[in-house]
Amino acid sequence: MWENAEPYRFHPPPPLNDLQKEQLRVSACGFLFAMSAELGMKNYNVVCSATVFVHRFFAKYGFHEEDHFVVACACMVLSGKVEESVLDIQFVATYASGHVPQLSAVPLLSLCKTIEDTELKVLAAIDFELWLQHPHLFVKRFTRAKAQGAVPEEARVFLQVGQIAWNFCQDSLLLPLRLEHKPYAIAAAALFLASEVLSQTFPLGIFNEVARCVTAEEERVFTAVTAEEVALIAELILKLYRWLLVTS
């Protein structure tokens, strides 16, 4: 339908410093979460995978090469296919047109074509590696396992920790943490931060157990998580909040 449409012509920004690149990365991922909420997506993994694809794409390409919002749209469309929750590309393009000023004047068919073409670029950039897991899965497994084996009061605390950790996991997706850390390591850091919020005195080591919440199939990619890695990831997440406060 849009094969013959003229693609959107991206006008590259001037040279960017590291802070500006970080702002664009956070902006693209925040845009995806906003889109997910407004479109009423029920499969949470779709937006999670889309953010990881964004980070992986811009680890290979510069922000001067592709519009970060168009890349975000392409990643969302691709993620919908991967997670078996296919999205209509026109719905994605319509949302982008209504929420991104530089895309508002682009004809819808042209934007659809550009998103479709960019999706192929994303696939090439991530080397067609589509299998992903996300930190919230391990938070869910860990807290359920701990709650089942605990007395009622302890079970309630672990479930509260899990609820707060889920929020930390979502915010962690604004950062390119998955480029260097396993999802269960990020989950361990989120659980540690959540326990701090609730003023619990769990030892840091207890959250390393989250790495053991892997299935037999997942064991092939399992690597141990250290307390040092958990502390590092936790500090990176806190640094994000401090940065957001300064830039807001």
Protein backbone atom coordinates (compact mmCIF):
# COMPACT_ATOMS: atom_id res chain seq x y z
CA MET A 1 0.00 0.00 0.00
CA TRP A 2 2.89 2.38 0.75
CA GLU A 3 5.57 0.70 -1.38
CA ASN A 4 5.60 3.62 -3.83
CA ALA A 5 5.41 6.33 -1.15
CA GLU A 6 8.36 8.67 -0.72
CA PRO A 7 10.25 7.85 2.50
CA TYR A 8 10.61 10.44 5.23
CA ARG A 9 13.81 12.44 4.82
CA PHE A 10 15.69 12.65 8.09
CA HIS A 11 17.62 15.85 8.79
CA PRO A 12 20.62 14.92 10.98
CA PRO A 13 21.18 16.98 14.13
CA PRO A 14 24.47 18.85 14.72
CA PRO A 15 27.25 16.89 16.48
CA LEU A 16 26.07 15.54 19.82
CA ASN A 17 27.95 15.16 23.09
CA ASP A 18 27.52 12.15 25.37
CA LEU A 19 24.86 13.83 27.50
CA GLN A 20 22.77 14.71 24.44
CA LYS A 21 23.05 11.14 23.16
CA GLU A 22 21.86 9.89 26.54
CA GLN A 23 18.91 12.27 26.35
CA LEU A 24 17.91 10.95 22.92
CA ARG A 25 18.23 7.36 24.11
CA VAL A 26 16.03 8.00 27.14
CA SER A 27 13.61 9.99 24.99
CA ALA A 28 13.22 7.15 22.49
CA CYS A 29 12.59 4.55 25.20
CA GLY A 30 10.23 6.82 27.13
CA PHE A 31 8.34 7.35 23.89
CA LEU A 32 7.92 3.58 23.58
CA PHE A 33 6.48 3.23 27.07
CA ALA A 34 4.07 6.11 26.41
CA MET A 35 3.00 4.50 23.14
CA SER A 36 2.51 1.13 24.82
CA ALA A 37 0.27 2.68 27.46
CA GLU A 38 -1.83 4.71 25.03
CA LEU A 39 -2.29 1.85 22.57
CA GLY A 40 -3.28 -0.45 25.42
CA MET A 41 -0.70 -3.14 24.74
CA LYS A 42 -1.33 -6.15 26.94
CA ASN A 43 1.94 -7.99 26.29
CA TYR A 44 4.49 -6.16 28.46
CA ASN A 45 7.36 -7.99 26.76
CA VAL A 46 6.68 -6.08 23.53
CA VAL A 47 7.78 -2.71 24.86
CA CYS A 48 10.60 -4.28 26.89
CA SER A 49 12.09 -5.97 23.83
CA ALA A 50 11.60 -2.81 21.76
CA THR A 51 13.73 -0.78 24.19
CA VAL A 52 16.51 -3.36 24.06
CA PHE A 53 16.42 -3.26 20.26
CA VAL A 54 16.75 0.54 20.40
CA HIS A 55 19.83 0.31 22.60
CA ARG A 56 21.39 -2.36 20.42
CA PHE A 57 20.72 -0.36 17.27
CA PHE A 58 22.33 2.82 18.59
CA ALA A 59 25.27 0.85 19.94
CA LYS A 60 26.10 0.26 16.28
CA TYR A 61 24.77 3.41 14.58
CA GLY A 62 24.95 7.07 15.51
CA PHE A 63 22.01 9.32 16.29
CA HIS A 64 22.98 11.40 13.27
CA GLU A 65 22.25 8.45 10.98
CA GLU A 66 18.62 7.70 11.86
CA ASP A 67 15.77 9.54 13.55
CA HIS A 68 15.59 8.00 17.04
CA PHE A 69 11.78 8.17 17.08
CA VAL A 70 11.53 6.35 13.74
CA VAL A 71 13.96 3.73 15.05
CA ALA A 72 11.81 3.38 18.17
CA CYS A 73 8.72 2.81 16.00
CA ALA A 74 10.54 0.22 13.91
CA CYS A 75 11.71 -1.55 17.07
CA MET A 76 8.16 -1.62 18.41
CA VAL A 77 6.82 -3.13 15.19
CA LEU A 78 9.61 -5.71 15.13
CA SER A 79 9.13 -6.55 18.80
CA GLY A 80 5.42 -7.11 18.24
CA LYS A 81 6.27 -9.79 15.70
CA VAL A 82 8.91 -11.38 17.92
CA GLU A 83 6.59 -11.48 20.94
CA GLU A 84 3.66 -12.76 18.85
CA SER A 85 1.62 -9.62 19.46
CA VAL A 86 1.70 -8.13 15.99
CA LEU A 87 1.07 -4.39 15.78
CA ASP A 88 -0.49 -2.61 12.83
CA ILE A 89 2.28 -0.40 11.47
CA GLN A 90 -0.30 2.28 10.63
CA PHE A 91 -1.35 2.48 14.31
CA VAL A 92 2.29 2.95 15.30
CA ALA A 93 2.86 5.56 12.59
CA THR A 94 -0.33 7.42 13.52
CA TYR A 95 0.73 7.57 17.17
CA ALA A 96 4.18 8.85 16.20
CA SER A 97 2.69 11.46 13.87
CA GLY A 98 0.48 12.75 16.66
CA HIS A 99 3.18 12.89 19.34
CA VAL A 100 6.46 13.76 17.58
CA PRO A 101 6.55 17.29 16.12
CA GLN A 102 9.05 16.54 13.35
CA LEU A 103 6.91 13.63 12.16
CA SER A 104 3.55 15.40 12.28
CA ALA A 105 3.88 16.84 8.76
CA VAL A 106 5.09 13.58 7.19
CA PRO A 107 2.39 11.84 5.08
CA LEU A 108 1.22 8.71 6.88
CA LEU A 109 2.09 6.36 4.01
CA SER A 110 5.58 7.85 3.78
CA LEU A 111 6.08 7.36 7.50
CA CYS A 112 4.86 3.75 7.28
CA LYS A 113 7.34 3.06 4.49
CA THR A 114 10.18 4.64 6.47
CA ILE A 115 9.34 2.59 9.56
CA GLU A 116 9.20 -0.58 7.47
CA ASP A 117 12.57 0.18 5.84
CA THR A 118 14.09 1.03 9.22
CA GLU A 119 12.84 -2.26 10.66
CA LEU A 120 15.10 -4.08 8.18
CA LYS A 121 18.02 -1.91 9.29
CA VAL A 122 17.30 -2.79 12.91
CA LEU A 123 17.26 -6.49 12.09
CA ALA A 124 20.65 -6.17 10.42
CA ALA A 125 22.05 -4.07 13.29
CA ILE A 126 21.11 -6.66 15.91
CA ASP A 127 22.35 -9.52 13.70
CA PHE A 128 18.87 -11.09 13.74
CA GLU A 129 19.33 -12.04 17.42
CA LEU A 130 15.75 -11.80 18.60
CA TRP A 131 15.54 -14.07 21.66
CA LEU A 132 15.33 -11.90 24.77
CA GLN A 133 14.49 -12.21 28.42
CA HIS A 134 13.77 -9.33 30.73
CA PRO A 135 14.54 -8.53 34.37
CA HIS A 136 10.90 -8.42 35.52
CA LEU A 137 10.55 -12.14 34.69
CA PHE A 138 13.25 -13.01 37.23
CA VAL A 139 11.84 -10.62 39.83
CA LYS A 140 8.52 -12.42 39.51
CA ARG A 141 10.10 -15.87 39.81
CA PHE A 142 12.28 -14.90 42.77
CA THR A 143 9.60 -13.19 44.84
CA ARG A 144 7.11 -15.98 44.26
CA ALA A 145 9.67 -18.60 45.31
CA LYS A 146 10.61 -16.64 48.44
CA ALA A 147 7.00 -15.92 49.37
CA GLN A 148 5.98 -19.56 49.03
CA GLY A 149 8.66 -20.70 51.46
CA ALA A 150 8.14 -17.98 54.06
CA VAL A 151 5.84 -17.26 56.98
CA PRO A 152 2.97 -14.86 56.12
CA GLU A 153 4.71 -11.70 57.34
CA GLU A 154 7.91 -12.47 55.44
CA ALA A 155 5.90 -13.45 52.36
CA ARG A 156 4.13 -10.08 52.44
CA VAL A 157 7.48 -8.26 52.60
CA PHE A 158 8.92 -10.21 49.68
CA LEU A 159 5.86 -9.48 47.55
CA GLN A 160 6.15 -5.76 48.38
CA VAL A 161 9.82 -5.86 47.43
CA GLY A 162 8.88 -7.52 44.16
CA GLN A 163 6.29 -4.85 43.31
CA ILE A 164 8.78 -2.03 43.84
CA ALA A 165 11.55 -3.93 42.06
CA TRP A 166 9.27 -4.24 39.02
CA ASN A 167 9.31 -0.43 38.74
CA PHE A 168 13.09 -0.35 38.97
CA CYS A 169 13.24 -2.97 36.21
CA GLN A 170 11.08 -0.83 33.96
CA ASP A 171 13.18 2.27 34.56
CA SER A 172 16.35 0.28 33.93
CA LEU A 173 15.17 -0.21 30.35
CA LEU A 174 15.85 3.47 29.72
CA LEU A 175 19.53 2.58 30.05
CA PRO A 176 21.59 0.31 27.79
CA LEU A 177 22.23 -2.08 30.70
CA ARG A 178 21.28 -5.13 28.66
CA LEU A 179 24.26 -4.53 26.40
CA GLU A 180 26.58 -5.57 29.24
CA HIS A 181 24.52 -7.31 31.93
CA LYS A 182 22.30 -10.38 32.09
CA PRO A 183 18.61 -9.77 32.86
CA TYR A 184 18.81 -11.65 36.15
CA ALA A 185 21.71 -9.44 37.27
CA ILE A 186 19.56 -6.36 36.61
CA ALA A 187 16.70 -8.05 38.46
CA ALA A 188 18.98 -8.66 41.45
CA ALA A 189 19.94 -4.97 41.49
CA ALA A 190 16.27 -3.94 41.27
CA LEU A 191 15.39 -6.22 44.19
CA PHE A 192 18.27 -4.82 46.21
CA LEU A 193 17.11 -1.23 45.58
CA ALA A 194 13.53 -2.18 46.45
CA SER A 195 14.64 -3.66 49.77
CA GLU A 196 16.46 -0.41 50.51
CA VAL A 197 13.29 1.58 49.78
CA LEU A 198 11.38 -0.56 52.29
CA SER A 199 14.25 -0.32 54.82
CA GLN A 200 14.64 -4.08 54.89
CA THR A 201 17.91 -5.54 56.11
CA PHE A 202 18.29 -8.35 53.63
CA PRO A 203 21.96 -9.06 52.93
CA LEU A 204 23.06 -8.16 49.40
CA GLY A 205 23.93 -11.78 48.78
CA ILE A 206 20.32 -12.95 49.06
CA PHE A 207 19.47 -11.25 45.79
CA ASN A 208 22.19 -13.12 43.98
CA GLU A 209 19.84 -16.08 44.32
CA VAL A 210 17.71 -14.52 41.60
CA ALA A 211 20.28 -15.76 39.10
CA ARG A 212 19.33 -19.30 40.07
CA CYS A 213 15.75 -18.73 38.93
CA VAL A 214 16.58 -20.07 35.50
CA THR A 215 14.95 -22.98 33.74
CA ALA A 216 16.86 -25.92 32.34
CA GLU A 217 16.66 -24.35 28.88
CA GLU A 218 18.06 -21.06 30.18
CA GLU A 219 20.94 -22.78 31.97
CA ARG A 220 22.97 -22.73 28.76
CA VAL A 221 23.33 -18.94 28.96
CA PHE A 222 23.62 -18.76 32.74
CA THR A 223 26.60 -17.00 34.31
CA ALA A 224 27.11 -16.24 37.97
CA VAL A 225 26.20 -12.84 39.39
CA THR A 226 28.49 -11.17 41.89
CA ALA A 227 27.62 -8.76 44.67
CA GLU A 228 29.90 -6.23 42.97
CA GLU A 229 27.88 -6.43 39.74
CA VAL A 230 24.60 -6.00 41.62
CA ALA A 231 25.96 -2.92 43.40
CA LEU A 232 27.25 -1.46 40.12
CA ILE A 233 23.92 -1.86 38.33
CA ALA A 234 22.05 -0.42 41.31
CA GLU A 235 24.29 2.65 41.24
CA LEU A 236 23.71 3.11 37.50
CA ILE A 237 19.94 3.07 38.04
CA LEU A 238 20.23 5.60 40.86
CA LYS A 239 22.47 7.73 38.66
CA LEU A 240 19.66 7.77 36.06
CA TYR A 241 17.24 9.19 38.63
CA ARG A 242 19.73 11.86 39.68
CA TRP A 243 20.29 12.77 36.03
CA LEU A 244 16.54 12.96 35.35
CA LEU A 245 16.08 15.29 38.32
CA VAL A 246 18.78 17.63 37.02
CA THR A 247 17.49 17.66 33.43
CA SER A 248 13.75 17.87 34.21
